[in-house]
Amino acid sequence: MSKKVSLFIIFSVVIGLLGGCQLAKNGEKDGAGESQVGKNDKFIGVYISYMEDDSNIQVGSLAKYADENDKIYAKLVEVEGDDGIKSHEFVFGEGEGISFFNAIIPESMTGVPDYIAHMGSYNIIYGSASSKNSVLLEENTNETILSETTHELEGSLYFTEDVIVYVYSVYQEPDGEVYCLWDTMGVHIGSYSNSTQTFGDSESTLVKLHMKCKTEVGVTKFIGMNDESEVIWTTKYDTNEVPEQISIPTGVKYIIHITEYENYESDTNVYTKDDVYIDIVKNGKRITMESFTCKLVWSE
């Protein structure tokens, strides 16, 4: 599956007394004990594979890569974005699974200064990732005593058929190496069920993952409203044909974006001129839906 890598530019500084960063125990699954996770390894997110309910095909399976401790290490690869900018990402196996984690890209591996990157998949719907840098200063000298970064990730996975989903905890070692633990029970997601799982904690990395079955996407509608909340513009696309850029006519103060599914269910979001990039949900190549970024060009 295609991946997207985002560099964090949102940081805030918090001055005050901080507790030590603890290993994300509630992010570990059954069997993922302290004997497998190093004392200084950090929980950084999750890796997801799934099995189609009516087949033996498991997408993103890493079973053959696991060592005697059920660890699977990721490879650091160089990627080039559509804008020609090169960066790096950690990839597990053949890259078919769904990654959802933040990692430090260390200078020792790339030759460029350390930076934080978000490893995500286009299968993560309405995904969000934020990073906060907290600094503890010495009272008299204002010298940095402790600097820690916390992360919050939240997103959804939409499946068009019943599926068994496996979510694996991902960790980063002090030297920068990234691995996941291959030892978790699957969760069945069906037409009449959904699941929200939380991993990690707010002191290091917190991941919220919403999973549900939905029918395929039909159309995407945009409704433009003026200051009096009157409809002055509408447009509609087949969801898989939404352009990368949409021009918003003069007079539109906000838009209502509606994604309609084949069972008449819909998702509705409201966007204003403060919103430049939005996520569009579309049907994927397999049974997982995908999202892509659409740019809104607002008139002056």
Protein backbone atom coordinates (compact mmCIF):
# COMPACT_ATOMS: atom_id res chain seq x y z
CA MET A 1 0.00 0.00 0.00
CA SER A 2 1.23 3.46 -0.71
CA LYS A 3 2.53 5.37 2.23
CA LYS A 4 2.73 9.04 3.09
CA VAL A 5 5.36 10.58 5.33
CA SER A 6 4.74 13.91 7.08
CA LEU A 7 7.28 15.99 8.95
CA PHE A 8 6.07 17.64 12.14
CA ILE A 9 6.15 21.41 12.32
CA ILE A 10 3.77 21.88 15.24
CA PHE A 11 5.62 22.14 18.54
CA SER A 12 4.78 23.80 21.84
CA VAL A 13 7.04 24.32 24.85
CA VAL A 14 5.81 23.56 28.34
CA ILE A 15 7.78 24.80 31.32
CA GLY A 16 7.26 22.85 34.52
CA LEU A 17 7.95 19.67 36.41
CA LEU A 18 7.58 16.56 34.29
CA GLY A 19 7.30 12.94 35.33
CA GLY A 20 9.57 10.37 33.73
CA CYS A 21 8.43 8.84 30.44
CA GLN A 22 7.15 5.33 31.15
CA LEU A 23 6.94 2.38 28.78
CA ALA A 24 3.49 2.26 27.24
CA LYS A 25 2.20 -0.79 29.10
CA ASN A 26 -1.38 -0.50 27.91
CA GLY A 27 -0.08 -0.35 24.36
CA GLU A 28 1.37 -3.84 24.74
CA LYS A 29 -0.66 -6.85 23.74
CA ASP A 30 -0.86 -10.28 25.36
CA GLY A 31 2.60 -11.82 25.38
CA ALA A 32 4.42 -8.52 24.81
CA GLY A 33 6.18 -8.50 28.17
CA GLU A 34 9.10 -6.50 29.45
CA SER A 35 11.40 -9.36 28.46
CA GLN A 36 10.72 -8.47 24.82
CA VAL A 37 10.71 -4.68 25.11
CA GLY A 38 13.97 -3.05 26.11
CA LYS A 39 14.01 -0.83 29.18
CA ASN A 40 14.71 2.31 27.14
CA ASP A 41 12.66 1.38 24.06
CA LYS A 42 9.82 3.82 23.34
CA PHE A 43 6.32 2.91 22.19
CA ILE A 44 5.76 5.02 19.04
CA GLY A 45 2.56 3.70 17.43
CA VAL A 46 1.09 0.69 15.67
CA TYR A 47 1.36 -1.46 12.56
CA ILE A 48 -1.81 -3.07 11.17
CA SER A 49 -2.43 -6.14 9.05
CA TYR A 50 -5.74 -7.79 8.22
CA MET A 51 -7.26 -10.98 6.89
CA GLU A 52 -10.24 -10.99 4.57
CA ASP A 53 -12.95 -12.98 6.33
CA ASP A 54 -13.79 -15.22 3.38
CA SER A 55 -10.21 -16.01 2.33
CA ASN A 56 -6.84 -17.04 3.70
CA ILE A 57 -5.15 -13.88 2.42
CA GLN A 58 -3.56 -11.82 5.18
CA VAL A 59 -2.49 -8.42 3.92
CA GLY A 60 0.65 -7.07 5.54
CA SER A 61 1.60 -10.32 7.27
CA LEU A 62 5.07 -10.22 8.81
CA ALA A 63 5.08 -13.68 10.38
CA LYS A 64 8.06 -14.89 8.35
CA TYR A 65 10.18 -11.96 9.54
CA ALA A 66 9.73 -12.55 13.29
CA ASP A 67 12.75 -13.54 15.35
CA GLU A 68 12.76 -15.77 18.45
CA ASN A 69 11.43 -12.84 20.52
CA ASP A 70 8.55 -12.12 18.10
CA LYS A 71 10.30 -8.93 17.00
CA ILE A 72 10.19 -7.69 13.41
CA TYR A 73 12.57 -4.85 12.52
CA ALA A 74 11.70 -2.18 9.94
CA LYS A 75 14.01 -0.99 7.16
CA LEU A 76 14.82 2.70 6.76
CA VAL A 77 14.32 3.69 3.12
CA GLU A 78 14.61 6.96 1.23
CA VAL A 79 11.44 8.26 -0.39
CA GLU A 80 10.78 11.17 -2.73
CA GLY A 81 7.55 13.12 -2.53
CA ASP A 82 5.52 14.55 -5.39
CA ASP A 83 7.26 17.88 -4.77
CA GLY A 84 10.67 16.28 -5.26
CA ILE A 85 11.65 16.59 -1.60
CA LYS A 86 13.44 13.52 -0.28
CA SER A 87 12.87 12.09 3.18
CA HIS A 88 13.01 8.73 4.92
CA GLU A 89 10.54 6.23 6.32
CA PHE A 90 10.62 2.98 8.22
CA VAL A 91 9.02 0.13 6.25
CA PHE A 92 8.03 -3.30 7.53
CA GLY A 93 8.30 -6.33 5.26
CA GLU A 94 7.02 -5.71 1.75
CA GLY A 95 5.27 -2.50 2.84
CA GLU A 96 1.77 -3.90 2.34
CA GLY A 97 0.56 -3.33 5.88
CA ILE A 98 -0.79 -0.13 7.39
CA SER A 99 1.69 1.91 9.40
CA PHE A 100 0.53 4.48 11.94
CA PHE A 101 3.41 5.70 14.09
CA ASN A 102 5.85 8.55 14.70
CA ALA A 103 9.58 7.92 14.66
CA ILE A 104 12.77 9.87 15.07
CA ILE A 105 14.87 9.66 11.92
CA PRO A 106 18.36 9.69 13.49
CA GLU A 107 21.32 11.51 12.00
CA SER A 108 23.41 8.37 12.45
CA MET A 109 21.29 6.64 9.79
CA THR A 110 20.90 9.45 7.25
CA GLY A 111 23.69 11.98 7.70
CA VAL A 112 21.19 14.81 8.27
CA PRO A 113 20.14 16.21 11.68
CA ASP A 114 17.53 14.24 13.64
CA TYR A 115 13.92 14.90 12.73
CA ILE A 116 10.52 13.45 13.62
CA ALA A 117 8.45 11.86 10.86
CA HIS A 118 4.95 10.42 10.74
CA MET A 119 4.69 7.04 9.08
CA GLY A 120 1.12 6.76 7.85
CA SER A 121 -0.92 5.05 5.17
CA TYR A 122 -3.52 6.38 2.79
CA ASN A 123 -5.83 3.79 4.37
CA ILE A 124 -5.97 5.89 7.55
CA ILE A 125 -9.16 7.93 7.17
CA TYR A 126 -9.47 11.38 8.78
CA GLY A 127 -6.10 10.80 10.38
CA SER A 128 -4.45 13.36 12.63
CA ALA A 129 -1.02 13.45 14.22
CA SER A 130 0.41 16.04 16.59
CA SER A 131 3.66 16.41 18.46
CA LYS A 132 4.43 18.44 21.58
CA ASN A 133 7.90 19.19 22.91
CA SER A 134 8.01 19.61 26.70
CA VAL A 135 11.07 21.20 28.31
CA LEU A 136 12.08 21.33 31.98
CA LEU A 137 14.40 24.23 32.81
CA GLU A 138 16.67 24.66 35.81
CA GLU A 139 15.18 27.43 37.95
CA ASN A 140 18.29 29.56 38.43
CA THR A 141 20.20 29.11 35.16
CA ASN A 142 17.33 28.37 32.73
CA GLU A 143 19.39 25.51 31.38
CA THR A 144 17.52 22.55 29.95
CA ILE A 145 17.33 19.67 32.41
CA LEU A 146 14.90 17.47 30.52
CA SER A 147 13.37 17.59 27.05
CA GLU A 148 10.66 15.14 26.02
CA THR A 149 8.33 14.86 23.06
CA THR A 150 4.83 13.42 23.27
CA HIS A 151 2.67 12.37 20.35
CA GLU A 152 -1.03 11.87 19.73
CA LEU A 153 -2.35 9.96 16.71
CA GLU A 154 -5.97 9.30 15.82
CA GLY A 155 -7.60 7.88 12.72
CA SER A 156 -10.12 5.45 11.28
CA LEU A 157 -10.00 2.34 9.13
CA TYR A 158 -12.98 1.63 6.88
CA PHE A 159 -13.47 -1.87 5.44
CA THR A 160 -16.02 -2.81 2.76
CA GLU A 161 -16.25 -6.46 3.87
CA ASP A 162 -16.02 -8.43 7.11
CA VAL A 163 -12.41 -8.60 8.20
CA ILE A 164 -10.11 -9.75 11.00
CA VAL A 165 -7.73 -6.96 12.00
CA TYR A 166 -4.38 -7.40 13.77
CA VAL A 167 -2.84 -4.35 15.47
CA TYR A 168 0.81 -4.63 16.56
CA SER A 169 2.70 -2.32 18.90
CA VAL A 170 5.69 -0.50 17.39
CA TYR A 171 8.75 0.57 19.39
CA GLN A 172 11.93 2.54 18.74
CA GLU A 173 15.25 1.64 20.36
CA PRO A 174 17.70 4.30 21.62
CA ASP A 175 19.93 3.76 18.56
CA GLY A 176 17.00 4.55 16.26
CA GLU A 177 16.05 1.03 15.16
CA VAL A 178 12.28 0.43 14.88
CA TYR A 179 10.50 -2.88 15.48
CA CYS A 180 7.03 -4.27 16.10
CA LEU A 181 5.95 -7.22 18.24
CA TRP A 182 4.24 -10.03 16.35
CA ASP A 183 2.01 -11.44 19.10
CA THR A 184 -1.56 -10.18 19.20
CA MET A 185 -5.09 -11.51 18.87
CA GLY A 186 -7.16 -10.45 15.89
CA VAL A 187 -10.36 -8.41 16.15
CA HIS A 188 -13.34 -9.22 13.92
CA ILE A 189 -14.90 -6.18 12.26
CA GLY A 190 -18.24 -6.91 10.61
CA SER A 191 -21.24 -5.17 9.10
CA TYR A 192 -22.91 -4.75 12.47
CA SER A 193 -19.86 -4.15 14.62
CA ASN A 194 -17.07 -1.64 15.04
CA SER A 195 -14.13 -1.21 17.36
CA THR A 196 -12.19 1.64 18.92
CA GLN A 197 -8.84 0.74 20.43
CA THR A 198 -6.45 2.90 22.42
CA PHE A 199 -2.73 2.21 22.71
CA GLY A 200 0.01 3.84 24.75
CA ASP A 201 -0.46 6.80 27.06
CA SER A 202 -0.51 10.58 27.01
CA GLU A 203 2.95 10.78 28.61
CA SER A 204 4.69 9.38 25.53
CA THR A 205 2.59 8.28 22.56
CA LEU A 206 -1.18 7.89 22.53
CA VAL A 207 -2.87 6.16 19.57
CA LYS A 208 -6.64 6.00 19.01
CA LEU A 209 -7.80 3.74 16.19
CA HIS A 210 -11.43 3.49 15.06
CA MET A 211 -12.36 0.53 12.84
CA LYS A 212 -15.67 -0.23 11.14
CA CYS A 213 -17.30 -1.78 8.06
CA LYS A 214 -18.94 0.54 5.55
CA THR A 215 -20.43 0.11 2.10
CA GLU A 216 -18.46 1.51 -0.85
CA VAL A 217 -18.34 5.23 -1.43
CA GLY A 218 -20.75 6.70 -3.97
CA VAL A 219 -20.41 10.46 -4.49
CA THR A 220 -18.81 13.47 -2.82
CA LYS A 221 -20.77 16.72 -2.61
CA PHE A 222 -19.65 20.26 -1.84
CA ILE A 223 -22.25 22.84 -0.79
CA GLY A 224 -21.16 26.48 -0.56
CA MET A 225 -22.87 28.77 1.96
CA ASN A 226 -22.81 32.57 2.27
CA ASP A 227 -22.87 34.78 5.38
CA GLU A 228 -26.63 34.24 5.74
CA SER A 229 -26.19 30.44 5.57
CA GLU A 230 -27.84 30.35 2.15
CA VAL A 231 -26.76 27.86 -0.50
CA ILE A 232 -25.02 29.74 -3.33
CA TRP A 233 -22.92 26.97 -4.89
CA THR A 234 -22.97 23.20 -5.20
CA THR A 235 -20.85 20.64 -7.02
CA LYS A 236 -20.74 16.85 -7.03
CA TYR A 237 -18.13 14.27 -8.03
CA ASP A 238 -17.83 10.55 -8.26
CA THR A 239 -15.65 10.04 -5.19
CA ASN A 240 -12.77 8.46 -7.09
CA GLU A 241 -12.75 11.41 -9.51
CA VAL A 242 -12.47 14.34 -7.09
CA PRO A 243 -9.72 16.65 -8.43
CA GLU A 244 -6.62 17.47 -6.41
CA GLN A 245 -7.68 21.13 -6.28
CA ILE A 246 -11.12 22.75 -6.06
CA SER A 247 -11.75 26.47 -6.59
CA ILE A 248 -14.34 27.96 -4.23
CA PRO A 249 -16.45 30.76 -5.80
CA THR A 250 -16.59 34.33 -4.48
CA GLY A 251 -19.10 34.82 -1.70
CA VAL A 252 -18.76 31.35 -0.19
CA LYS A 253 -17.93 31.69 3.52
CA TYR A 254 -17.97 28.01 4.39
CA ILE A 255 -18.65 24.72 2.68
CA ILE A 256 -20.43 21.57 3.72
CA HIS A 257 -18.65 18.46 2.46
CA ILE A 258 -20.78 15.30 2.26
CA THR A 259 -19.44 11.82 1.48
CA GLU A 260 -22.29 9.48 0.53
CA TYR A 261 -22.04 5.70 0.79
CA GLU A 262 -24.03 3.14 -1.17
CA ASN A 263 -26.27 2.27 1.80
CA TYR A 264 -27.31 5.95 2.04
CA GLU A 265 -25.09 6.51 5.07
CA SER A 266 -23.02 9.71 4.88
CA ASP A 267 -20.16 11.59 6.52
CA THR A 268 -20.57 15.36 6.84
CA ASN A 269 -17.82 17.90 7.54
CA VAL A 270 -17.80 21.70 7.54
CA TYR A 271 -14.83 23.73 6.31
CA THR A 272 -14.04 27.45 6.39
CA LYS A 273 -11.37 29.63 4.79
CA ASP A 274 -8.98 28.48 7.50
CA ASP A 275 -9.06 25.03 5.92
CA VAL A 276 -6.81 24.63 2.90
CA TYR A 277 -6.29 20.85 2.70
CA ILE A 278 -9.03 18.29 3.39
CA ASP A 279 -9.26 14.51 3.30
CA ILE A 280 -11.42 12.84 0.66
CA VAL A 281 -12.54 9.23 1.23
CA LYS A 282 -12.48 6.95 -1.80
CA ASN A 283 -12.73 3.25 -2.59
CA GLY A 284 -9.41 1.41 -2.37
CA LYS A 285 -7.77 -1.33 -4.39
CA ARG A 286 -8.61 -3.96 -1.76
CA ILE A 287 -11.32 -4.01 0.88
CA THR A 288 -9.85 -1.02 2.71
CA MET A 289 -10.96 2.48 1.80
CA GLU A 290 -8.39 5.18 1.17
CA SER A 291 -8.12 8.92 1.61
CA PHE A 292 -6.33 11.52 -0.44
CA THR A 293 -5.67 15.20 0.13
CA CYS A 294 -7.64 17.81 -1.80
CA LYS A 295 -6.67 21.49 -1.80
CA LEU A 296 -9.37 24.13 -1.39
CA VAL A 297 -8.64 27.39 -3.20
CA TRP A 298 -10.79 30.12 -1.64
CA SER A 299 -11.63 33.32 -3.53
CA GLU A 300 -10.67 36.62 -1.93
